[in-house]
Amino acid sequence: MNEVNARAVPVMGGFEGQFRKVHKAAWESVCINGVAQLYPTQFEAETMAWRALHSHLCGVIVGTGDKVSPMRSKAEAQFGAIFKKGRKIEVERR
């Protein structure tokens, strides 16, 4: 059974924060833009691992309870605010 957890692993130059998600057995490193982060203390590494795990578990839900759709985010980035207050506004390309 997988369990949610976080830990600090000593590596050369400091500590690396790692966390384990509910649906995966493997440990994942705390990364920023795909680069694993090193921390000077064990406490800081473990704290950042817990924060990354919390962000993963709670960051995908918006206020209405709907999950954030990557396609909707791409559409909003490309066309601007096409979804307002639950209504879809038709976008005309010319």
PDB file of N, CA and C in Angstrom:
ATOM      1  N   MET A   1       0.844  -1.172   0.000  1.00  0.00           N
ATOM      2  CA  MET A   1       0.000   0.000   0.000  1.00  0.00           C
ATOM      3  C   MET A   1       0.894   1.241   0.000  1.00  0.00           C
ATOM      4  N   ASN A   2       0.601   2.152  -0.900  1.00  0.00           N
ATOM      5  CA  ASN A   2       1.372   3.390  -0.968  1.00  0.00           C
ATOM      6  C   ASN A   2       0.946   4.315   0.154  1.00  0.00           C
ATOM      7  N   GLU A   3       1.909   5.024   0.673  1.00  0.00           N
ATOM      8  CA  GLU A   3       1.595   5.994   1.713  1.00  0.00           C
ATOM      9  C   GLU A   3       2.201   7.340   1.352  1.00  0.00           C
ATOM     10  N   VAL A   4       1.500   8.401   1.662  1.00  0.00           N
ATOM     11  CA  VAL A   4       1.973   9.752   1.413  1.00  0.00           C
ATOM     12  C   VAL A   4       3.039  10.064   2.451  1.00  0.00           C
ATOM     13  N   ASN A   5       4.181  10.582   1.986  1.00  0.00           N
ATOM     14  CA  ASN A   5       5.258  10.889   2.912  1.00  0.00           C
ATOM     15  C   ASN A   5       6.226  11.860   2.251  1.00  0.00           C
ATOM     16  N   ALA A   6       7.077  12.458   3.057  1.00  0.00           N
ATOM     17  CA  ALA A   6       8.129  13.341   2.567  1.00  0.00           C
ATOM     18  C   ALA A   6       9.383  13.067   3.381  1.00  0.00           C
ATOM     19  N   ARG A   7      10.545  13.330   2.762  1.00  0.00           N
ATOM     20  CA  ARG A   7      11.797  13.080   3.456  1.00  0.00           C
ATOM     21  C   ARG A   7      12.891  13.976   2.890  1.00  0.00           C
ATOM     22  N   ALA A   8      13.984  14.052   3.638  1.00  0.00           N
ATOM     23  CA  ALA A   8      15.175  14.766   3.187  1.00  0.00           C
ATOM     24  C   ALA A   8      16.280  13.735   2.997  1.00  0.00           C
ATOM     25  N   VAL A   9      16.921  13.764   1.842  1.00  0.00           N
ATOM     26  CA  VAL A   9      17.969  12.803   1.521  1.00  0.00           C
ATOM     27  C   VAL A   9      19.289  13.562   1.405  1.00  0.00           C
ATOM     28  N   PRO A  10      20.315  13.129   2.165  1.00  0.00           N
ATOM     29  CA  PRO A  10      21.605  13.818   2.046  1.00  0.00           C
ATOM     30  C   PRO A  10      22.264  13.504   0.698  1.00  0.00           C
ATOM     31  N   VAL A  11      22.681  14.547   0.010  1.00  0.00           N
ATOM     32  CA  VAL A  11      23.413  14.414  -1.255  1.00  0.00           C
ATOM     33  C   VAL A  11      24.623  15.346  -1.179  1.00  0.00           C
ATOM     34  N   MET A  12      25.518  15.221  -2.130  1.00  0.00           N
ATOM     35  CA  MET A  12      26.691  16.071  -2.120  1.00  0.00           C
ATOM     36  C   MET A  12      26.274  17.533  -2.271  1.00  0.00           C
ATOM     37  N   GLY A  13      26.660  18.359  -1.328  1.00  0.00           N
ATOM     38  CA  GLY A  13      26.349  19.774  -1.399  1.00  0.00           C
ATOM     39  C   GLY A  13      25.139  20.197  -0.592  1.00  0.00           C
ATOM     40  N   GLY A  14      24.444  19.276   0.065  1.00  0.00           N
ATOM     41  CA  GLY A  14      23.276  19.640   0.868  1.00  0.00           C
ATOM     42  C   GLY A  14      22.290  18.504   1.001  1.00  0.00           C
ATOM     43  N   PHE A  15      21.023  18.863   0.994  1.00  0.00           N
ATOM     44  CA  PHE A  15      19.946  17.884   1.128  1.00  0.00           C
ATOM     45  C   PHE A  15      18.943  18.084   0.004  1.00  0.00           C
ATOM     46  N   GLU A  16      18.362  16.984  -0.423  1.00  0.00           N
ATOM     47  CA  GLU A  16      17.336  17.014  -1.465  1.00  0.00           C
ATOM     48  C   GLU A  16      16.016  16.610  -0.832  1.00  0.00           C
ATOM     49  N   GLY A  17      14.970  17.395  -1.062  1.00  0.00           N
ATOM     50  CA  GLY A  17      13.642  17.058  -0.567  1.00  0.00           C
ATOM     51  C   GLY A  17      12.945  16.122  -1.533  1.00  0.00           C
ATOM     52  N   GLN A  18      12.360  15.065  -0.991  1.00  0.00           N
ATOM     53  CA  GLN A  18      11.632  14.100  -1.815  1.00  0.00           C
ATOM     54  C   GLN A  18      10.275  13.818  -1.184  1.00  0.00           C
ATOM     55  N   PHE A  19       9.288  13.537  -2.047  1.00  0.00           N
ATOM     56  CA  PHE A  19       7.954  13.205  -1.559  1.00  0.00           C
ATOM     57  C   PHE A  19       7.388  12.056  -2.375  1.00  0.00           C
ATOM     58  N   ARG A  20       6.413  11.360  -1.773  1.00  0.00           N
ATOM     59  CA  ARG A  20       5.767  10.240  -2.437  1.00  0.00           C
ATOM     60  C   ARG A  20       4.273  10.507  -2.503  1.00  0.00           C
ATOM     61  N   LYS A  21       3.728  10.388  -3.710  1.00  0.00           N
ATOM     62  CA  LYS A  21       2.306  10.631  -3.938  1.00  0.00           C
ATOM     63  C   LYS A  21       1.496   9.385  -3.603  1.00  0.00           C
ATOM     64  N   VAL A  22       0.194   9.563  -3.479  1.00  0.00           N
ATOM     65  CA  VAL A  22      -0.685   8.455  -3.129  1.00  0.00           C
ATOM     66  C   VAL A  22      -0.699   7.393  -4.219  1.00  0.00           C
ATOM     67  N   HIS A  23      -0.734   7.797  -5.481  1.00  0.00           N
ATOM     68  CA  HIS A  23      -0.906   6.857  -6.578  1.00  0.00           C
ATOM     69  C   HIS A  23       0.407   6.340  -7.161  1.00  0.00           C
ATOM     70  N   LYS A  24       1.550   6.717  -6.567  1.00  0.00           N
ATOM     71  CA  LYS A  24       2.841   6.239  -7.062  1.00  0.00           C
ATOM     72  C   LYS A  24       3.686   5.729  -5.908  1.00  0.00           C
ATOM     73  N   ALA A  25       4.452   4.694  -6.160  1.00  0.00           N
ATOM     74  CA  ALA A  25       5.319   4.148  -5.119  1.00  0.00           C
ATOM     75  C   ALA A  25       6.689   4.806  -5.126  1.00  0.00           C
ATOM     76  N   ALA A  26       7.057   5.434  -6.229  1.00  0.00           N
ATOM     77  CA  ALA A  26       8.392   6.030  -6.351  1.00  0.00           C
ATOM     78  C   ALA A  26       8.457   7.386  -5.657  1.00  0.00           C
ATOM     79  N   TRP A  27       9.625   7.724  -5.152  1.00  0.00           N
ATOM     80  CA  TRP A  27       9.869   9.034  -4.559  1.00  0.00           C
ATOM     81  C   TRP A  27      10.172  10.035  -5.664  1.00  0.00           C
ATOM     82  N   GLU A  28       9.655  11.254  -5.528  1.00  0.00           N
ATOM     83  CA  GLU A  28       9.919  12.319  -6.492  1.00  0.00           C
ATOM     84  C   GLU A  28      10.649  13.448  -5.784  1.00  0.00           C
ATOM     85  N   SER A  29      11.609  14.034  -6.468  1.00  0.00           N
ATOM     86  CA  SER A  29      12.368  15.145  -5.908  1.00  0.00           C
ATOM     87  C   SER A  29      11.607  16.457  -6.084  1.00  0.00           C
ATOM     88  N   VAL A  30      11.859  17.388  -5.184  1.00  0.00           N
ATOM     89  CA  VAL A  30      11.294  18.730  -5.312  1.00  0.00           C
ATOM     90  C   VAL A  30      12.045  19.408  -6.453  1.00  0.00           C
ATOM     91  N   CYS A  31      11.321  19.793  -7.498  1.00  0.00           N
ATOM     92  CA  CYS A  31      11.931  20.392  -8.683  1.00  0.00           C
ATOM     93  C   CYS A  31      11.311  21.748  -8.974  1.00  0.00           C
ATOM     94  N   ILE A  32      12.122  22.642  -9.500  1.00  0.00           N
ATOM     95  CA  ILE A  32      11.646  23.914 -10.022  1.00  0.00           C
ATOM     96  C   ILE A  32      12.112  23.975 -11.464  1.00  0.00           C
ATOM     97  N   ASN A  33      11.146  24.062 -12.377  1.00  0.00           N
ATOM     98  CA  ASN A  33      11.415  24.036 -13.823  1.00  0.00           C
ATOM     99  C   ASN A  33      12.208  22.796 -14.224  1.00  0.00           C
ATOM    100  N   GLY A  34      11.894  21.667 -13.614  1.00  0.00           N
ATOM    101  CA  GLY A  34      12.534  20.400 -13.967  1.00  0.00           C
ATOM    102  C   GLY A  34      13.902  20.169 -13.362  1.00  0.00           C
ATOM    103  N   VAL A  35      14.365  21.075 -12.500  1.00  0.00           N
ATOM    104  CA  VAL A  35      15.686  20.941 -11.882  1.00  0.00           C
ATOM    105  C   VAL A  35      15.501  20.628 -10.394  1.00  0.00           C
ATOM    106  N   ALA A  36      16.077  19.507  -9.946  1.00  0.00           N
ATOM    107  CA  ALA A  36      15.998  19.133  -8.539  1.00  0.00           C
ATOM    108  C   ALA A  36      16.707  20.186  -7.692  1.00  0.00           C
ATOM    109  N   GLN A  37      16.069  20.565  -6.594  1.00  0.00           N
ATOM    110  CA  GLN A  37      16.591  21.624  -5.734  1.00  0.00           C
ATOM    111  C   GLN A  37      17.403  21.049  -4.576  1.00  0.00           C
ATOM    112  N   LEU A  38      18.483  21.734  -4.224  1.00  0.00           N
ATOM    113  CA  LEU A  38      19.301  21.377  -3.065  1.00  0.00           C
ATOM    114  C   LEU A  38      19.063  22.405  -1.976  1.00  0.00           C
ATOM    115  N   TYR A  39      18.984  21.930  -0.732  1.00  0.00           N
ATOM    116  CA  TYR A  39      18.752  22.797   0.407  1.00  0.00           C
ATOM    117  C   TYR A  39      19.886  22.619   1.408  1.00  0.00           C
ATOM    118  N   PRO A  40      20.234  23.689   2.132  1.00  0.00           N
ATOM    119  CA  PRO A  40      21.374  23.612   3.055  1.00  0.00           C
ATOM    120  C   PRO A  40      21.115  22.769   4.297  1.00  0.00           C
ATOM    121  N   THR A  41      19.858  22.675   4.745  1.00  0.00           N
ATOM    122  CA  THR A  41      19.567  21.907   5.961  1.00  0.00           C
ATOM    123  C   THR A  41      18.550  20.814   5.676  1.00  0.00           C
ATOM    124  N   GLN A  42      18.585  19.812   6.536  1.00  0.00           N
ATOM    125  CA  GLN A  42      17.650  18.695   6.417  1.00  0.00           C
ATOM    126  C   GLN A  42      16.213  19.183   6.665  1.00  0.00           C
ATOM    127  N   PHE A  43      16.050  20.067   7.638  1.00  0.00           N
ATOM    128  CA  PHE A  43      14.725  20.594   7.965  1.00  0.00           C
ATOM    129  C   PHE A  43      14.116  21.336   6.781  1.00  0.00           C
ATOM    130  N   GLU A  44      14.894  22.185   6.141  1.00  0.00           N
ATOM    131  CA  GLU A  44      14.392  22.962   5.005  1.00  0.00           C
ATOM    132  C   GLU A  44      14.014  22.048   3.837  1.00  0.00           C
ATOM    133  N   ALA A  45      14.820  21.023   3.579  1.00  0.00           N
ATOM    134  CA  ALA A  45      14.534  20.098   2.482  1.00  0.00           C
ATOM    135  C   ALA A  45      13.233  19.339   2.728  1.00  0.00           C
ATOM    136  N   GLU A  46      13.047  18.863   3.951  1.00  0.00           N
ATOM    137  CA  GLU A  46      11.825  18.121   4.253  1.00  0.00           C
ATOM    138  C   GLU A  46      10.601  19.041   4.244  1.00  0.00           C
ATOM    139  N   THR A  47      10.754  20.263   4.725  1.00  0.00           N
ATOM    140  CA  THR A  47       9.652  21.232   4.705  1.00  0.00           C
ATOM    141  C   THR A  47       9.224  21.526   3.274  1.00  0.00           C
ATOM    142  N   MET A  48      10.181  21.740   2.392  1.00  0.00           N
ATOM    143  CA  MET A  48       9.849  22.032   0.992  1.00  0.00           C
ATOM    144  C   MET A  48       9.230  20.812   0.306  1.00  0.00           C
ATOM    145  N   ALA A  49       9.627  19.606   0.716  1.00  0.00           N
ATOM    146  CA  ALA A  49       9.021  18.394   0.162  1.00  0.00           C
ATOM    147  C   ALA A  49       7.556  18.308   0.577  1.00  0.00           C
ATOM    148  N   TRP A  50       7.258  18.623   1.846  1.00  0.00           N
ATOM    149  CA  TRP A  50       5.864  18.613   2.298  1.00  0.00           C
ATOM    150  C   TRP A  50       5.052  19.673   1.566  1.00  0.00           C
ATOM    151  N   ARG A  51       5.651  20.841   1.335  1.00  0.00           N
ATOM    152  CA  ARG A  51       4.942  21.897   0.614  1.00  0.00           C
ATOM    153  C   ARG A  51       4.673  21.497  -0.836  1.00  0.00           C
ATOM    154  N   ALA A  52       5.628  20.833  -1.470  1.00  0.00           N
ATOM    155  CA  ALA A  52       5.431  20.377  -2.854  1.00  0.00           C
ATOM    156  C   ALA A  52       4.327  19.321  -2.909  1.00  0.00           C
ATOM    157  N   LEU A  53       4.307  18.431  -1.932  1.00  0.00           N
ATOM    158  CA  LEU A  53       3.260  17.408  -1.873  1.00  0.00           C
ATOM    159  C   LEU A  53       1.899  18.059  -1.655  1.00  0.00           C
ATOM    160  N   HIS A  54       1.830  19.001  -0.748  1.00  0.00           N
ATOM    161  CA  HIS A  54       0.578  19.715  -0.490  1.00  0.00           C
ATOM    162  C   HIS A  54       0.103  20.437  -1.744  1.00  0.00           C
ATOM    163  N   SER A  55       1.033  21.064  -2.446  1.00  0.00           N
ATOM    164  CA  SER A  55       0.689  21.765  -3.683  1.00  0.00           C
ATOM    165  C   SER A  55       0.149  20.800  -4.725  1.00  0.00           C
ATOM    166  N   HIS A  56       0.737  19.617  -4.801  1.00  0.00           N
ATOM    167  CA  HIS A  56       0.262  18.613  -5.755  1.00  0.00           C
ATOM    168  C   HIS A  56      -1.139  18.126  -5.387  1.00  0.00           C
ATOM    169  N   LEU A  57      -1.357  17.853  -4.112  1.00  0.00           N
ATOM    170  CA  LEU A  57      -2.640  17.299  -3.684  1.00  0.00           C
ATOM    171  C   LEU A  57      -3.772  18.327  -3.730  1.00  0.00           C
ATOM    172  N   CYS A  58      -3.485  19.579  -3.429  1.00  0.00           N
ATOM    173  CA  CYS A  58      -4.535  20.594  -3.313  1.00  0.00           C
ATOM    174  C   CYS A  58      -4.532  21.605  -4.448  1.00  0.00           C
ATOM    175  N   GLY A  59      -3.523  21.616  -5.272  1.00  0.00           N
ATOM    176  CA  GLY A  59      -3.406  22.639  -6.289  1.00  0.00           C
ATOM    177  C   GLY A  59      -4.190  22.402  -7.550  1.00  0.00           C
ATOM    178  N   VAL A  60      -4.763  21.221  -7.744  1.00  0.00           N
ATOM    179  CA  VAL A  60      -5.457  20.932  -8.994  1.00  0.00           C
ATOM    180  C   VAL A  60      -6.953  21.198  -8.913  1.00  0.00           C
ATOM    181  N   ILE A  61      -7.434  21.651  -7.774  1.00  0.00           N
ATOM    182  CA  ILE A  61      -8.865  21.875  -7.613  1.00  0.00           C
ATOM    183  C   ILE A  61      -9.118  23.377  -7.558  1.00  0.00           C
ATOM    184  N   VAL A  62     -10.107  23.833  -8.313  1.00  0.00           N
ATOM    185  CA  VAL A  62     -10.474  25.252  -8.298  1.00  0.00           C
ATOM    186  C   VAL A  62     -11.650  25.455  -7.352  1.00  0.00           C
ATOM    187  N   GLY A  63     -12.063  26.689  -7.140  1.00  0.00           N
ATOM    188  CA  GLY A  63     -13.091  27.020  -6.161  1.00  0.00           C
ATOM    189  C   GLY A  63     -14.425  26.338  -6.374  1.00  0.00           C
ATOM    190  N   THR A  64     -14.797  26.025  -7.596  1.00  0.00           N
ATOM    191  CA  THR A  64     -16.102  25.415  -7.845  1.00  0.00           C
ATOM    192  C   THR A  64     -16.099  23.911  -7.631  1.00  0.00           C
ATOM    193  N   GLY A  65     -14.935  23.328  -7.411  1.00  0.00           N
ATOM    194  CA  GLY A  65     -14.845  21.889  -7.250  1.00  0.00           C
ATOM    195  C   GLY A  65     -14.507  21.185  -8.550  1.00  0.00           C
ATOM    196  N   ASP A  66     -14.504  21.909  -9.663  1.00  0.00           N
ATOM    197  CA  ASP A  66     -14.130  21.325 -10.942  1.00  0.00           C
ATOM    198  C   ASP A  66     -12.618  21.194 -11.016  1.00  0.00           C
ATOM    199  N   LYS A  67     -12.155  20.199 -11.720  1.00  0.00           N
ATOM    200  CA  LYS A  67     -10.721  20.061 -11.941  1.00  0.00           C
ATOM    201  C   LYS A  67     -10.295  21.006 -13.051  1.00  0.00           C
ATOM    202  N   VAL A  68      -9.104  21.523 -12.930  1.00  0.00           N
ATOM    203  CA  VAL A  68      -8.576  22.425 -13.941  1.00  0.00           C
ATOM    204  C   VAL A  68      -8.231  21.606 -15.183  1.00  0.00           C
ATOM    205  N   SER A  69      -8.733  22.028 -16.307  1.00  0.00           N
ATOM    206  CA  SER A  69      -8.475  21.333 -17.560  1.00  0.00           C
ATOM    207  C   SER A  69      -7.289  21.965 -18.274  1.00  0.00           C
ATOM    208  N   PRO A  70      -6.284  21.166 -18.664  1.00  0.00           N
ATOM    209  CA  PRO A  70      -5.160  21.756 -19.392  1.00  0.00           C
ATOM    210  C   PRO A  70      -5.588  22.330 -20.740  1.00  0.00           C
ATOM    211  N   MET A  71      -6.595  21.738 -21.370  1.00  0.00           N
ATOM    212  CA  MET A  71      -7.067  22.251 -22.653  1.00  0.00           C
ATOM    213  C   MET A  71      -7.734  23.613 -22.461  1.00  0.00           C
ATOM    214  N   ARG A  72      -8.465  23.780 -21.375  1.00  0.00           N
ATOM    215  CA  ARG A  72      -9.107  25.064 -21.119  1.00  0.00           C
ATOM    216  C   ARG A  72      -8.048  26.136 -20.857  1.00  0.00           C
ATOM    217  N   SER A  73      -7.021  25.797 -20.119  1.00  0.00           N
ATOM    218  CA  SER A  73      -5.957  26.756 -19.853  1.00  0.00           C
ATOM    219  C   SER A  73      -5.251  27.164 -21.133  1.00  0.00           C
ATOM    220  N   LYS A  74      -5.012  26.201 -22.024  1.00  0.00           N
ATOM    221  CA  LYS A  74      -4.387  26.513 -23.319  1.00  0.00           C
ATOM    222  C   LYS A  74      -5.285  27.425 -24.140  1.00  0.00           C
ATOM    223  N   ALA A  75      -6.585  27.140 -24.127  1.00  0.00           N
ATOM    224  CA  ALA A  75      -7.524  27.960 -24.894  1.00  0.00           C
ATOM    225  C   ALA A  75      -7.581  29.377 -24.345  1.00  0.00           C
ATOM    226  N   GLU A  76      -7.612  29.505 -23.027  1.00  0.00           N
ATOM    227  CA  GLU A  76      -7.652  30.841 -22.435  1.00  0.00           C
ATOM    228  C   GLU A  76      -6.368  31.601 -22.718  1.00  0.00           C
ATOM    229  N   ALA A  77      -5.235  30.916 -22.723  1.00  0.00           N
ATOM    230  CA  ALA A  77      -3.966  31.581 -23.022  1.00  0.00           C
ATOM    231  C   ALA A  77      -3.921  32.043 -24.480  1.00  0.00           C
ATOM    232  N   GLN A  78      -4.485  31.242 -25.366  1.00  0.00           N
ATOM    233  CA  GLN A  78      -4.434  31.568 -26.790  1.00  0.00           C
ATOM    234  C   GLN A  78      -5.461  32.625 -27.187  1.00  0.00           C
ATOM    235  N   PHE A  79      -6.679  32.517 -26.676  1.00  0.00           N
ATOM    236  CA  PHE A  79      -7.752  33.387 -27.125  1.00  0.00           C
ATOM    237  C   PHE A  79      -8.152  34.460 -26.118  1.00  0.00           C
ATOM    238  N   GLY A  80      -7.605  34.444 -24.939  1.00  0.00           N
ATOM    239  CA  GLY A  80      -8.033  35.394 -23.910  1.00  0.00           C
ATOM    240  C   GLY A  80      -9.144  34.791 -23.077  1.00  0.00           C
ATOM    241  N   ALA A  81      -9.899  35.621 -22.400  1.00  0.00           N
ATOM    242  CA  ALA A  81     -10.957  35.151 -21.498  1.00  0.00           C
ATOM    243  C   ALA A  81     -12.180  34.736 -22.299  1.00  0.00           C
ATOM    244  N   ILE A  82     -12.229  33.465 -22.692  1.00  0.00           N
ATOM    245  CA  ILE A  82     -13.379  32.987 -23.460  1.00  0.00           C
ATOM    246  C   ILE A  82     -14.388  32.272 -22.572  1.00  0.00           C
ATOM    247  N   PHE A  83     -14.013  32.011 -21.309  1.00  0.00           N
ATOM    248  CA  PHE A  83     -14.935  31.391 -20.377  1.00  0.00           C
ATOM    249  C   PHE A  83     -15.170  32.383 -19.244  1.00  0.00           C
ATOM    250  N   LYS A  84     -16.360  32.916 -19.130  1.00  0.00           N
ATOM    251  CA  LYS A  84     -16.672  33.867 -18.070  1.00  0.00           C
ATOM    252  C   LYS A  84     -17.885  33.385 -17.297  1.00  0.00           C
ATOM    253  N   LYS A  85     -17.738  33.246 -16.002  1.00  0.00           N
ATOM    254  CA  LYS A  85     -18.817  32.873 -15.095  1.00  0.00           C
ATOM    255  C   LYS A  85     -19.584  31.652 -15.579  1.00  0.00           C
ATOM    256  N   GLY A  86     -18.848  30.639 -16.029  1.00  0.00           N
ATOM    257  CA  GLY A  86     -19.484  29.397 -16.432  1.00  0.00           C
ATOM    258  C   GLY A  86     -20.091  29.403 -17.816  1.00  0.00           C
ATOM    259  N   ARG A  87     -20.071  30.542 -18.495  1.00  0.00           N
ATOM    260  CA  ARG A  87     -20.629  30.606 -19.843  1.00  0.00           C
ATOM    261  C   ARG A  87     -19.488  30.606 -20.840  1.00  0.00           C
ATOM    262  N   LYS A  88     -19.702  29.950 -21.937  1.00  0.00           N
ATOM    263  CA  LYS A  88     -18.712  29.947 -23.002  1.00  0.00           C
ATOM    264  C   LYS A  88     -19.044  31.069 -23.973  1.00  0.00           C
ATOM    265  N   ILE A  89     -18.073  31.919 -24.219  1.00  0.00           N
ATOM    266  CA  ILE A  89     -18.259  33.020 -25.159  1.00  0.00           C
ATOM    267  C   ILE A  89     -17.632  32.602 -26.482  1.00  0.00           C
ATOM    268  N   GLU A  90     -18.408  32.667 -27.552  1.00  0.00           N
ATOM    269  CA  GLU A  90     -17.919  32.280 -28.854  1.00  0.00           C
ATOM    270  C   GLU A  90     -16.832  33.234 -29.323  1.00  0.00           C
ATOM    271  N   VAL A  91     -15.760  32.691 -29.832  1.00  0.00           N
ATOM    272  CA  VAL A  91     -14.644  33.501 -30.345  1.00  0.00           C
ATOM    273  C   VAL A  91     -14.633  33.378 -31.852  1.00  0.00           C
ATOM    274  N   GLU A  92     -14.630  34.504 -32.517  1.00  0.00           N
ATOM    275  CA  GLU A  92     -14.623  34.529 -33.974  1.00  0.00           C
ATOM    276  C   GLU A  92     -13.236  34.882 -34.456  1.00  0.00           C
ATOM    277  N   ARG A  93     -12.675  34.065 -35.331  1.00  0.00           N
ATOM    278  CA  ARG A  93     -11.377  34.373 -35.906  1.00  0.00           C
ATOM    279  C   ARG A  93     -11.586  34.999 -37.259  1.00  0.00           C
ATOM    280  N   ARG A  94     -10.841  36.052 -37.534  1.00  0.00           N
ATOM    281  CA  ARG A  94     -10.990  36.718 -38.827  1.00  0.00           C
ATOM    282  C   ARG A  94      -9.701  36.697 -39.571  1.00  0.00           C
TER     283      ARG A  94
END
